[in-house]
Amino acid sequence: MKVEGMAQANPSRSLVPWLDDVANLLDRERPARKRGARRSITQVFVSRIAAIWRKLGLEPGLAYDFFLHPASGDQIGRGGRVESRFQRYCRAALTAVGDPTEISARQVVNNKRSALLLRVR
């Protein structure tokens, strides 16, 4: 709107110089990009799928198996992180379109953090 007002305030007689002026104004008044790297395509996918899951009342998160490494001999058993239902769903959806990308635990954690920040605001 600001560029439109500037273009109307200073009309040119010919079309070509007017278009040049508009292009220069648009370039000059372009909003500044946010600093930092852009989100990856898979992170955008994860956030959109997570939003759908939350609307359906599902919890997109991580999974932990307490009996992943059972006790043996004198060793105490221990658990470990396993692929969650959310990660399996995302992997299956990506595989269905020919993308072998796996959704990491870090991506799920980052998505959960950003969702919590949005709720706090």
Protein backbone atom coordinates (compact mmCIF):
# COMPACT_ATOMS: atom_id res chain seq x y z
CA MET A 1 0.00 0.00 0.00
CA LYS A 2 2.89 2.30 0.77
CA VAL A 3 4.42 1.70 -2.69
CA GLU A 4 1.03 2.21 -4.34
CA GLY A 5 0.68 5.60 -2.65
CA MET A 6 4.20 6.60 -3.70
CA ALA A 7 3.57 5.50 -7.30
CA GLN A 8 0.32 7.52 -7.48
CA ALA A 9 1.96 10.56 -5.95
CA ASN A 10 4.63 10.67 -8.65
CA PRO A 11 3.01 9.61 -11.97
CA SER A 12 5.21 9.41 -15.07
CA ARG A 13 4.12 10.29 -18.61
CA SER A 14 5.33 7.05 -20.19
CA LEU A 15 4.58 3.47 -19.17
CA VAL A 16 8.16 2.16 -19.19
CA PRO A 17 9.61 4.76 -16.80
CA TRP A 18 6.56 4.34 -14.56
CA LEU A 19 7.08 0.55 -14.41
CA ASP A 20 10.78 1.12 -13.63
CA ASP A 21 9.79 3.47 -10.80
CA VAL A 22 7.33 0.93 -9.40
CA ALA A 23 9.96 -1.85 -9.56
CA ASN A 24 12.49 0.37 -7.78
CA LEU A 25 9.95 1.36 -5.10
CA LEU A 26 8.99 -2.28 -4.52
CA ASP A 27 12.63 -3.25 -4.21
CA ARG A 28 13.34 -0.39 -1.81
CA GLU A 29 10.28 -0.98 0.38
CA ARG A 30 10.60 -4.78 0.55
CA PRO A 31 10.34 -6.05 4.13
CA ALA A 32 13.62 -7.22 5.64
CA ARG A 33 14.09 -10.97 5.88
CA LYS A 34 14.39 -12.55 9.27
CA ARG A 35 17.90 -13.49 10.22
CA GLY A 36 18.95 -17.11 10.32
CA ALA A 37 18.52 -20.11 8.12
CA ARG A 38 15.19 -21.01 6.56
CA ARG A 39 13.34 -23.98 7.95
CA SER A 40 13.89 -27.20 6.06
CA ILE A 41 11.12 -28.70 3.95
CA THR A 42 10.84 -31.63 6.35
CA GLN A 43 10.49 -29.30 9.33
CA VAL A 44 7.65 -27.46 7.58
CA PHE A 45 6.05 -30.85 6.84
CA VAL A 46 6.43 -31.96 10.47
CA SER A 47 4.85 -28.76 11.80
CA ARG A 48 1.86 -29.02 9.45
CA ILE A 49 1.25 -32.69 10.23
CA ALA A 50 1.65 -31.99 13.95
CA ALA A 51 -0.96 -29.22 13.73
CA ILE A 52 -3.38 -31.65 12.08
CA TRP A 53 -2.69 -34.26 14.76
CA ARG A 54 -3.35 -31.72 17.53
CA LYS A 55 -6.66 -30.72 15.92
CA LEU A 56 -7.63 -34.39 15.97
CA GLY A 57 -6.75 -34.64 19.65
CA LEU A 58 -3.60 -36.69 19.04
CA GLU A 59 -0.25 -35.95 20.63
CA PRO A 60 2.69 -35.67 18.21
CA GLY A 61 5.63 -36.60 20.35
CA LEU A 62 8.40 -39.04 21.06
CA ALA A 63 8.25 -42.59 22.39
CA TYR A 64 10.37 -44.38 24.97
CA ASP A 65 10.53 -48.11 25.56
CA PHE A 66 11.50 -48.90 29.16
CA PHE A 67 12.31 -52.51 28.25
CA LEU A 68 14.31 -51.90 25.09
CA HIS A 69 17.43 -53.53 26.54
CA PRO A 70 16.26 -56.25 28.97
CA ALA A 71 18.24 -57.34 31.98
CA SER A 72 20.78 -60.05 31.36
CA GLY A 73 22.90 -61.83 33.93
CA ASP A 74 24.01 -59.28 36.49
CA GLN A 75 23.25 -56.31 34.18
CA ILE A 76 20.21 -54.15 34.94
CA GLY A 77 17.92 -53.62 31.97
CA ARG A 78 17.49 -50.15 30.55
CA GLY A 79 15.21 -48.38 28.17
CA GLY A 80 15.73 -46.21 25.16
CA ARG A 81 14.03 -43.95 22.67
CA VAL A 82 12.11 -45.67 19.88
CA GLU A 83 10.30 -44.31 16.82
CA SER A 84 6.95 -42.84 17.91
CA ARG A 85 3.64 -43.27 16.13
CA PHE A 86 3.94 -39.70 14.90
CA GLN A 87 7.40 -40.34 13.45
CA ARG A 88 6.20 -43.58 11.82
CA TYR A 89 3.22 -41.77 10.30
CA CYS A 90 5.44 -39.02 8.88
CA ARG A 91 7.92 -41.56 7.53
CA ALA A 92 5.11 -43.55 5.87
CA ALA A 93 3.61 -40.40 4.34
CA LEU A 94 6.97 -39.29 2.97
CA THR A 95 7.77 -42.79 1.70
CA ALA A 96 4.42 -42.88 -0.11
CA VAL A 97 5.54 -39.96 -2.28
CA GLY A 98 9.03 -41.37 -2.80
CA ASP A 99 10.94 -39.37 -0.17
CA PRO A 100 13.17 -41.57 2.03
CA THR A 101 13.58 -38.84 4.68
CA GLU A 102 13.21 -39.89 8.30
CA ILE A 103 11.85 -37.56 10.95
CA SER A 104 14.39 -37.19 13.74
CA ALA A 105 13.67 -36.86 17.42
CA ARG A 106 15.23 -33.39 17.27
CA GLN A 107 12.65 -32.26 14.69
CA VAL A 108 9.81 -33.53 16.89
CA VAL A 109 11.26 -31.80 19.96
CA ASN A 110 11.75 -28.52 18.06
CA ASN A 111 8.18 -28.69 16.80
CA LYS A 112 6.86 -29.32 20.30
CA ARG A 113 8.83 -26.35 21.65
CA SER A 114 7.54 -24.01 18.95
CA ALA A 115 3.96 -25.20 19.58
CA LEU A 116 4.36 -24.49 23.31
CA LEU A 117 5.73 -21.02 22.58
CA LEU A 118 2.71 -20.27 20.38
CA ARG A 119 0.34 -21.35 23.16
CA VAL A 120 2.09 -19.12 25.71
CA ARG A 121 1.77 -16.02 23.53
